[in-house]
Amino acid sequence: MTDPTFDAFVIDGARVVLDDRIAEVSVLVEGGRIKGLDLASDAPRIEARGMLLAPALIDIHGDAFERQLMPRPGVMLPTEAALLETDRQLAANGIATAYHALTLSWEPGLRSVEMGWEVFETLNRLAPRLTVENRLQLRWETFCFEALPLIEAAIAGPLAPAIAFNDHTSMSMRAPGIAVQDRPFEHDPAYPLIDPDSAEFARRMVERAQRAKITTEEMVALVRQIWTRRPHVMVEIAKVAEWGRAAGLPMLSHDDTQPETRAIYRDLGSRISEFPMNHPTARAARGAGDFIVFGAPNAARGGSHLGSAGAGEMLREGLCDILASDYYYPAMLAAVARLHADGLGDLPALWPLVSTNPARALGLTDRGRIAEGLRADLVLIDWPEGHAPAVRQTLVAGRPAYAAQPAG
């Protein structure tokens, strides 16, 4: 296996994941695009016998980059070094297009608007040095009005972002005894609230305070102050959604628990339900023709760490279109392997979860499949029967982003 450092090359001998089958065909790449299958060519050849060739992965939501920025609670590392390392991890896991779920929150520290600006500006500055396509999912905490100038700047930036509507503020204010998966619509006037002076509320704030590098008492006071914005939140949501529609951006709603929640965001132009937390909400999304996203770690592990609906279960019921890396980049390939081993489908049926379907949902019409004319975003995988798959080469627009030669 050699690096394709030339404009045209042929990948030969691999089992190729196509739309409807796996076939041993050669793939000719010219000028960064797929020229065709089994075409006669004098171009240099990449010998890939015994490997699987598939469309490279497209990650609609990944926040594992936060672990490069803050590998331990309160311990921040230089942003440029963290994002370069993130890019390497993406390439090594076969991900050619990544939407970083950049939380824009009112809380200080890692998820602050200030850090959002730093990540946005650093990614733009680093773009010529990055190996894969690093985009942003603006994971906007809807109580954070300070984020609006950054959202406007990102919309006008060089790579169109996605917008995700996120409300962990209301989630944290729910009354005791109500699971996060069962909470009512966040803007219901009768939304059941916890007493912010209670010991239980203080316990809820401990982890968030550690991430923000402030005391629990300071976090409690901050949440109480932010909660006073609630009457104005829907107005700001409508404003940001209007910006998204005007720019033709993909928009997502995050952690929906009620069909009503999904319906409101759908009416605002959001056609992607990201991590719906129960069956009724997922069924409502499916009935309306929305894309449905679940976490690949959920599928790879066989269940959600939060106790929400399992991705494998949802897939069996026709309620899952896309698997996102969420908090662990290797999970996308691992999830496909787990679902395949569990008999939920063959590879041509499962691979769209991590390539074709996210491309469609995000409006990326030039990638996500192995077909004539599309961008040559490809991944070569060593996958012995009965064993875990391992990425050996990742190509982005025909350019080598990652290559590894095993010792054996």
Foldseek 3Di string as FASTA:
>chain_A
DDFPPDQKEKEAAAQEQFQPHTDRWIWIGGRQFTAATNDDDPHHYDYQHQWYKYFFFAFQEEALLLCLQPVDQPDGDDLLVSVQVVLLVCFQLRHQHYAYAQADDPFAASNHLVVVVVNVVSCVVCVVVGLHHYHHAHAYQLLRPVNVVVLVVSCVDDDHHEYEYEHVLLLLFADPPAASLAFDDSLDPVGHGHDLVDPVSLVSQCVVCRNSVHHSVVSSVVSVVSVVCSVVRVVSVLVSLVVCVVSVFAYEYEQANDLVNVVVVVVSPHQEYEPDFADVNLVSSVVVPGAYEDELVLLLVVHDPSRGDGPLVCVLVVRHQAYHPYNHSNSVQSNLVSCVVVPSDDCSVSQRNGFVRVCVSGVVVQGRRSRRRHRPFMWIWNDPPPDRIGTAFTAGSSHTSDHDDDPD
